[in-house]
């Protein structure tokens, strides 16, 4: 299984909103990440859906600055 296929599978969530955000990010922003940010994205997917949704909707900010930067990249890549 390719890395991108593995990530697509890992991006499947219990919430449609997260599925759509992550799918769009993989299609439009993931390729711009350096290897460290790509590893952070993989680790980000281990967070619970409720936390991810709060971060990605901008309701709360991650305390880790690298995670906050990645969340912003995801949000920016999926904006119309």
N, C-alpha and C. Protein backbone atom coordinates (compact mmCIF):
# COMPACT_ATOMS: atom_id res chain seq x y z
N UNK A 1 0.86 -1.18 0.00
CA UNK A 1 0.00 0.00 0.00
C UNK A 1 0.90 1.24 0.00
N UNK A 2 0.61 2.18 -0.86
CA UNK A 2 1.41 3.40 -0.91
C UNK A 2 1.14 4.26 0.31
N UNK A 3 2.06 5.18 0.59
CA UNK A 3 1.91 6.07 1.73
C UNK A 3 0.64 6.91 1.61
N UNK A 4 0.37 7.42 0.43
CA UNK A 4 -0.82 8.24 0.24
C UNK A 4 -2.09 7.40 0.44
N UNK A 5 -2.10 6.19 -0.04
CA UNK A 5 -3.26 5.31 0.16
C UNK A 5 -3.45 5.00 1.64
N UNK A 6 -2.36 4.77 2.34
CA UNK A 6 -2.44 4.50 3.78
C UNK A 6 -3.02 5.72 4.51
N UNK A 7 -2.57 6.91 4.13
CA UNK A 7 -3.08 8.11 4.77
C UNK A 7 -4.55 8.34 4.43
N UNK A 8 -4.94 8.07 3.18
CA UNK A 8 -6.35 8.22 2.82
C UNK A 8 -7.22 7.31 3.69
N UNK A 9 -6.75 6.11 3.94
CA UNK A 9 -7.50 5.19 4.79
C UNK A 9 -7.54 5.71 6.22
N UNK A 10 -6.41 6.23 6.71
CA UNK A 10 -6.35 6.75 8.07
C UNK A 10 -7.19 8.01 8.23
N UNK A 11 -7.41 8.74 7.16
CA UNK A 11 -8.21 9.98 7.20
C UNK A 11 -9.71 9.70 7.29
N UNK A 12 -10.12 8.48 7.05
CA UNK A 12 -11.54 8.15 7.16
C UNK A 12 -11.95 8.26 8.61
N UNK A 13 -12.91 9.12 8.89
CA UNK A 13 -13.29 9.42 10.25
C UNK A 13 -14.77 9.11 10.47
N UNK A 14 -15.22 9.31 11.69
CA UNK A 14 -16.62 9.11 12.02
C UNK A 14 -17.48 10.31 11.68
N UNK A 15 -16.85 11.42 11.32
CA UNK A 15 -17.57 12.65 11.00
C UNK A 15 -17.32 13.02 9.54
N UNK A 16 -18.39 13.22 8.80
CA UNK A 16 -18.28 13.57 7.39
C UNK A 16 -17.45 14.84 7.19
N UNK A 17 -17.61 15.82 8.08
CA UNK A 17 -16.87 17.08 7.95
C UNK A 17 -15.36 16.82 7.94
N UNK A 18 -14.91 15.95 8.83
CA UNK A 18 -13.48 15.63 8.88
C UNK A 18 -13.05 14.86 7.64
N UNK A 19 -13.87 13.92 7.21
CA UNK A 19 -13.56 13.18 5.98
C UNK A 19 -13.32 14.14 4.83
N UNK A 20 -14.20 15.11 4.67
CA UNK A 20 -14.10 16.06 3.55
C UNK A 20 -12.87 16.96 3.69
N UNK A 21 -12.63 17.47 4.89
CA UNK A 21 -11.46 18.33 5.10
C UNK A 21 -10.16 17.59 4.82
N UNK A 22 -10.04 16.39 5.34
CA UNK A 22 -8.81 15.64 5.15
C UNK A 22 -8.64 15.19 3.70
N UNK A 23 -9.72 14.79 3.06
CA UNK A 23 -9.64 14.41 1.65
C UNK A 23 -9.16 15.58 0.80
N UNK A 24 -9.75 16.74 1.03
CA UNK A 24 -9.34 17.93 0.27
C UNK A 24 -7.89 18.28 0.55
N UNK A 25 -7.46 18.16 1.80
CA UNK A 25 -6.07 18.47 2.13
C UNK A 25 -5.12 17.50 1.43
N UNK A 26 -5.45 16.22 1.44
CA UNK A 26 -4.60 15.25 0.75
C UNK A 26 -4.51 15.57 -0.74
N UNK A 27 -5.61 16.03 -1.32
CA UNK A 27 -5.64 16.34 -2.75
C UNK A 27 -4.94 17.66 -3.09
N UNK A 28 -4.97 18.63 -2.17
CA UNK A 28 -4.53 19.98 -2.53
C UNK A 28 -3.41 20.56 -1.68
N UNK A 29 -3.04 19.92 -0.57
CA UNK A 29 -2.03 20.53 0.29
C UNK A 29 -0.97 19.60 0.80
N UNK A 30 -1.28 18.34 0.91
CA UNK A 30 -0.33 17.39 1.50
C UNK A 30 0.99 17.35 0.74
N UNK A 31 0.93 17.43 -0.56
CA UNK A 31 2.14 17.35 -1.38
C UNK A 31 3.12 18.49 -1.14
N UNK A 32 2.66 19.57 -0.52
CA UNK A 32 3.52 20.72 -0.23
C UNK A 32 4.26 20.59 1.10
N UNK A 33 3.94 19.57 1.88
CA UNK A 33 4.56 19.40 3.20
C UNK A 33 5.96 18.84 3.07
N UNK A 34 6.85 19.30 3.97
CA UNK A 34 8.16 18.66 4.05
C UNK A 34 8.01 17.37 4.86
N UNK A 35 9.06 16.60 4.99
CA UNK A 35 8.94 15.28 5.63
C UNK A 35 8.54 15.39 7.10
N UNK A 36 9.03 16.42 7.81
CA UNK A 36 8.64 16.58 9.22
C UNK A 36 7.16 16.90 9.35
N UNK A 37 6.67 17.80 8.51
CA UNK A 37 5.25 18.15 8.56
C UNK A 37 4.39 16.97 8.14
N UNK A 38 4.86 16.17 7.20
CA UNK A 38 4.12 14.97 6.79
C UNK A 38 4.01 13.99 7.95
N UNK A 39 5.07 13.86 8.73
CA UNK A 39 5.03 12.99 9.91
C UNK A 39 4.07 13.56 10.96
N UNK A 40 4.07 14.88 11.11
CA UNK A 40 3.14 15.51 12.06
C UNK A 40 1.69 15.29 11.61
N UNK A 41 1.45 15.35 10.30
CA UNK A 41 0.10 15.10 9.80
C UNK A 41 -0.33 13.68 10.14
N UNK A 42 0.55 12.72 9.95
CA UNK A 42 0.23 11.33 10.28
C UNK A 42 -0.10 11.23 11.77
N UNK A 43 0.70 11.88 12.61
CA UNK A 43 0.46 11.86 14.06
C UNK A 43 -0.84 12.60 14.42
N UNK A 44 -1.14 13.67 13.70
CA UNK A 44 -2.36 14.44 13.94
C UNK A 44 -3.60 13.55 13.81
N UNK A 45 -3.53 12.60 12.89
CA UNK A 45 -4.68 11.73 12.65
C UNK A 45 -4.96 10.78 13.81
N UNK A 46 -4.06 10.74 14.80
CA UNK A 46 -4.28 9.90 15.98
C UNK A 46 -5.12 10.60 17.05
N UNK A 47 -5.34 11.91 16.87
CA UNK A 47 -6.17 12.65 17.83
C UNK A 47 -7.64 12.25 17.66
N UNK A 48 -8.42 12.37 18.73
CA UNK A 48 -9.85 12.05 18.65
C UNK A 48 -10.58 13.01 17.70
N UNK A 49 -11.63 12.52 17.08
CA UNK A 49 -12.41 13.31 16.14
C UNK A 49 -12.90 14.62 16.75
N UNK A 50 -13.36 14.57 17.99
CA UNK A 50 -13.90 15.78 18.63
C UNK A 50 -12.85 16.88 18.72
N UNK A 51 -11.63 16.51 19.06
CA UNK A 51 -10.54 17.49 19.16
C UNK A 51 -10.20 18.02 17.77
N UNK A 52 -10.07 17.13 16.81
CA UNK A 52 -9.75 17.55 15.44
C UNK A 52 -10.80 18.51 14.90
N UNK A 53 -12.05 18.21 15.13
CA UNK A 53 -13.12 19.07 14.64
C UNK A 53 -13.03 20.46 15.25
N UNK A 54 -12.79 20.55 16.55
CA UNK A 54 -12.66 21.85 17.21
C UNK A 54 -11.49 22.64 16.62
N UNK A 55 -10.37 21.98 16.39
CA UNK A 55 -9.21 22.65 15.81
C UNK A 55 -9.50 23.11 14.39
N UNK A 56 -10.02 22.21 13.58
CA UNK A 56 -10.21 22.51 12.17
C UNK A 56 -11.34 23.49 11.90
N UNK A 57 -12.28 23.60 12.82
CA UNK A 57 -13.34 24.59 12.69
C UNK A 57 -12.91 25.94 13.28
N UNK A 58 -11.74 25.96 13.91
CA UNK A 58 -11.21 27.20 14.47
C UNK A 58 -11.81 27.58 15.80
N UNK A 59 -12.46 26.66 16.45
CA UNK A 59 -13.10 26.95 17.74
C UNK A 59 -12.08 27.02 18.86
N UNK A 60 -11.04 26.18 18.77
CA UNK A 60 -9.94 26.21 19.72
C UNK A 60 -8.64 26.06 18.94
N UNK A 61 -7.54 26.48 19.56
CA UNK A 61 -6.23 26.39 18.93
C UNK A 61 -5.41 25.32 19.63
N UNK A 62 -4.67 24.53 18.86
CA UNK A 62 -3.76 23.57 19.49
C UNK A 62 -2.68 24.34 20.27
N UNK A 63 -2.25 23.79 21.39
CA UNK A 63 -1.21 24.45 22.17
C UNK A 63 0.17 24.27 21.56
N UNK A 64 0.39 23.19 20.85
CA UNK A 64 1.66 22.95 20.17
C UNK A 64 1.72 23.80 18.90
N UNK A 65 2.75 24.63 18.78
CA UNK A 65 2.82 25.57 17.65
C UNK A 65 2.96 24.85 16.31
N UNK A 66 3.64 23.72 16.27
CA UNK A 66 3.77 22.98 15.01
C UNK A 66 2.44 22.37 14.58
N UNK A 67 1.70 21.87 15.54
CA UNK A 67 0.37 21.32 15.25
C UNK A 67 -0.56 22.45 14.81
N UNK A 68 -0.47 23.60 15.48
CA UNK A 68 -1.30 24.75 15.11
C UNK A 68 -1.00 25.19 13.68
N UNK A 69 0.27 25.19 13.30
CA UNK A 69 0.65 25.57 11.93
C UNK A 69 0.07 24.58 10.93
N UNK A 70 0.15 23.30 11.23
CA UNK A 70 -0.39 22.27 10.35
C UNK A 70 -1.90 22.39 10.23
N UNK A 71 -2.57 22.64 11.33
CA UNK A 71 -4.03 22.82 11.31
C UNK A 71 -4.38 23.99 10.40
N UNK A 72 -3.61 25.07 10.50
CA UNK A 72 -3.86 26.24 9.64
C UNK A 72 -3.63 25.89 8.17
N UNK A 73 -2.61 25.09 7.89
CA UNK A 73 -2.36 24.67 6.50
C UNK A 73 -3.53 23.84 5.98
N UNK A 74 -4.06 22.97 6.80
CA UNK A 74 -5.21 22.16 6.38
C UNK A 74 -6.41 23.06 6.12
N UNK A 75 -6.66 23.99 7.04
CA UNK A 75 -7.79 24.90 6.87
C UNK A 75 -7.61 25.75 5.61
N UNK A 76 -6.41 26.22 5.35
CA UNK A 76 -6.15 27.07 4.18
C UNK A 76 -6.27 26.31 2.86
N UNK A 77 -5.85 25.07 2.87
CA UNK A 77 -5.88 24.29 1.62
C UNK A 77 -7.28 23.90 1.21
N UNK A 78 -8.22 23.96 2.13
CA UNK A 78 -9.59 23.54 1.83
C UNK A 78 -10.52 24.72 1.67
N UNK A 79 -9.99 25.93 1.80
CA UNK A 79 -10.84 27.12 1.62
C UNK A 79 -11.17 27.30 0.16
N UNK A 80 -12.41 27.74 -0.14
CA UNK A 80 -12.78 27.93 -1.55
C UNK A 80 -12.02 29.07 -2.18
